[in-house]
């Protein structure tokens, strides 16, 4: 049996404390995912910590440095199941240095208004990412509701 592939992704927000926008990235490859939207990130290399891999991937793919928030909760410890061989762990993140550009694997980046949930959910997401998007939006709506009551 082949070893499980660990993937990491970032839900890049304009602010971790008061998020209003989400940065999404459109894939160029492989062919079955070209034109679909995703969280930027990538595979964790052997011996690499997940958070370090995410920082590395965001530098390579977007040319940015970020501050990570608390990991988005998934049912399994290795994250959200992408397929029979891979799982993805996702962290909210805020850009601390650089201006994001589609340097690798993407042909377009887009800031989405989190208040327009239908627009965010209406993007053609990579199918395995869609439940993660829904969980992120639920998490952020809970965060906003808690902030209003405190």
Protein backbone atom coordinates (compact mmCIF):
# COMPACT_ATOMS: atom_id res chain seq x y z
CA UNK A 1 0.00 0.00 0.00
CA UNK A 2 1.31 3.45 -0.88
CA UNK A 3 1.95 6.05 1.78
CA UNK A 4 -0.70 8.68 2.45
CA UNK A 5 0.05 12.09 0.88
CA UNK A 6 -0.26 15.06 3.24
CA UNK A 7 -1.33 18.29 1.58
CA UNK A 8 -1.60 21.72 3.23
CA UNK A 9 -3.70 24.69 2.18
CA UNK A 10 -4.25 28.27 3.26
CA UNK A 11 -7.54 30.11 3.50
CA UNK A 12 -5.92 33.52 3.00
CA UNK A 13 -8.04 36.24 4.57
CA UNK A 14 -7.60 40.00 4.47
CA UNK A 15 -7.55 39.89 8.29
CA UNK A 16 -7.50 37.02 10.78
CA UNK A 17 -9.24 39.14 13.42
CA UNK A 18 -11.93 40.75 11.22
CA UNK A 19 -12.10 38.78 7.97
CA UNK A 20 -14.06 40.34 5.12
CA UNK A 21 -12.37 38.82 2.04
CA UNK A 22 -10.94 35.44 1.02
CA UNK A 23 -8.20 34.99 -1.60
CA UNK A 24 -8.89 32.10 -3.98
CA UNK A 25 -6.66 30.67 -6.70
CA UNK A 26 -7.59 29.13 -10.08
CA UNK A 27 -5.64 26.00 -11.09
CA UNK A 28 -3.90 25.57 -14.42
CA UNK A 29 -3.05 21.86 -14.01
CA UNK A 30 -3.53 18.94 -13.91
CA UNK A 31 -6.06 18.89 -16.74
CA UNK A 32 -8.97 17.62 -14.61
CA UNK A 33 -8.55 20.60 -12.22
CA UNK A 34 -7.60 23.32 -14.73
CA UNK A 35 -9.99 26.25 -14.39
CA UNK A 36 -11.22 25.18 -10.95
CA UNK A 37 -10.66 27.18 -7.78
CA UNK A 38 -8.81 26.09 -4.66
CA UNK A 39 -6.98 27.13 -1.53
CA UNK A 40 -3.31 27.74 -2.39
CA UNK A 41 -0.86 25.26 -0.87
CA UNK A 42 0.68 21.94 -1.77
CA UNK A 43 2.32 18.70 -0.70
CA UNK A 44 4.33 18.31 2.48
CA UNK A 45 7.82 17.01 1.74
CA UNK A 46 9.40 14.16 3.71
CA UNK A 47 10.61 15.37 7.11
CA UNK A 48 8.84 18.71 6.76
CA UNK A 49 6.36 20.05 9.32
CA UNK A 50 2.94 20.95 7.89
CA UNK A 51 3.12 24.62 8.85
CA UNK A 52 6.62 24.95 7.37
CA UNK A 53 5.40 23.32 4.15
CA UNK A 54 2.52 25.78 3.95
CA UNK A 55 4.86 28.77 4.39
CA UNK A 56 7.17 27.34 1.70
CA UNK A 57 4.31 26.66 -0.73
CA UNK A 58 2.79 30.13 -0.32
CA UNK A 59 6.17 31.71 -1.00
CA UNK A 60 6.64 29.58 -4.14
CA UNK A 61 3.08 29.85 -5.48
CA UNK A 62 2.13 33.42 -4.52
CA UNK A 63 5.30 35.21 -3.41
CA UNK A 64 3.94 36.05 0.03
CA UNK A 65 4.65 35.48 3.70
CA UNK A 66 1.76 34.87 6.05
CA UNK A 67 0.73 34.59 9.67
CA UNK A 68 -1.28 31.45 10.35
CA UNK A 69 -4.40 31.27 12.47
CA UNK A 70 -5.78 28.20 14.22
CA UNK A 71 -6.15 25.19 11.94
CA UNK A 72 -9.61 24.64 10.48
CA UNK A 73 -11.09 21.65 12.27
CA UNK A 74 -11.42 18.46 10.24
CA UNK A 75 -12.89 15.13 11.38
CA UNK A 76 -9.62 13.24 10.83
CA UNK A 77 -6.26 14.17 12.41
CA UNK A 78 -4.59 14.23 8.99
CA UNK A 79 -7.22 16.65 7.69
CA UNK A 80 -9.84 16.71 4.97
CA UNK A 81 -9.87 13.70 2.67
CA UNK A 82 -9.06 14.71 -0.92
CA UNK A 83 -9.06 11.19 -2.38
CA UNK A 84 -8.07 7.66 -1.33
CA UNK A 85 -4.39 8.68 -1.14
CA UNK A 86 -4.34 12.29 0.10
CA UNK A 87 -5.66 14.48 2.89
CA UNK A 88 -5.39 18.24 3.35
CA UNK A 89 -4.97 20.30 6.48
CA UNK A 90 -6.10 23.93 6.16
CA UNK A 91 -5.14 27.04 8.11
CA UNK A 92 -6.63 30.53 7.91
CA UNK A 93 -3.81 32.92 7.08
CA UNK A 94 -3.15 36.64 6.75
CA UNK A 95 -0.53 38.11 4.41
CA UNK A 96 2.27 39.82 6.34
CA UNK A 97 4.70 40.46 3.47
CA UNK A 98 4.37 40.66 -0.29
CA UNK A 99 1.63 41.12 -2.83
CA UNK A 100 0.09 37.85 -4.03
CA UNK A 101 0.69 36.91 -7.67
CA UNK A 102 -0.05 33.61 -9.47
CA UNK A 103 3.60 32.47 -9.80
CA UNK A 104 3.08 28.67 -10.03
CA UNK A 105 0.11 26.35 -10.63
CA UNK A 106 -2.46 29.17 -10.98
CA UNK A 107 -3.49 31.64 -13.68
CA UNK A 108 -5.73 33.89 -11.58
CA UNK A 109 -6.15 35.04 -8.01
CA UNK A 110 -9.35 36.65 -6.80
CA UNK A 111 -10.40 38.29 -3.53
CA UNK A 112 -13.94 37.17 -2.67
CA UNK A 113 -16.26 39.13 -0.39
CA UNK A 114 -17.13 36.81 2.51
CA UNK A 115 -20.47 38.60 2.98
CA UNK A 116 -21.51 37.23 -0.43
CA UNK A 117 -21.62 33.56 0.57
CA UNK A 118 -23.43 32.56 -2.63
CA UNK A 119 -20.67 34.06 -4.78
CA UNK A 120 -18.00 32.19 -2.81
CA UNK A 121 -19.90 28.90 -2.93
CA UNK A 122 -20.85 29.51 -6.57
CA UNK A 123 -17.26 29.36 -7.82
CA UNK A 124 -16.34 26.13 -9.59
CA UNK A 125 -14.25 24.67 -6.76
CA UNK A 126 -12.16 21.53 -6.95
CA UNK A 127 -14.77 19.06 -5.65
CA UNK A 128 -12.69 17.91 -2.67
CA UNK A 129 -12.22 21.56 -1.58
CA UNK A 130 -15.94 22.42 -1.57
CA UNK A 131 -16.74 20.93 1.89
CA UNK A 132 -13.70 22.75 3.27
CA UNK A 133 -15.00 26.05 1.86
CA UNK A 134 -18.36 25.39 3.53
CA UNK A 135 -16.66 24.58 6.86
CA UNK A 136 -14.53 27.73 6.59
CA UNK A 137 -17.58 29.92 5.95
CA UNK A 138 -19.41 28.30 8.88
CA UNK A 139 -16.37 28.84 11.10
CA UNK A 140 -16.08 32.49 10.07
CA UNK A 141 -19.79 33.17 10.58
CA UNK A 142 -19.48 31.70 14.10
CA UNK A 143 -16.41 33.90 14.72
CA UNK A 144 -18.30 37.01 13.58
CA UNK A 145 -21.35 36.09 15.71
CA UNK A 146 -19.13 35.53 18.78
CA UNK A 147 -17.37 38.85 18.23
CA UNK A 148 -20.73 40.66 18.16
CA UNK A 149 -21.83 39.14 21.49
CA UNK A 150 -18.57 39.77 23.37
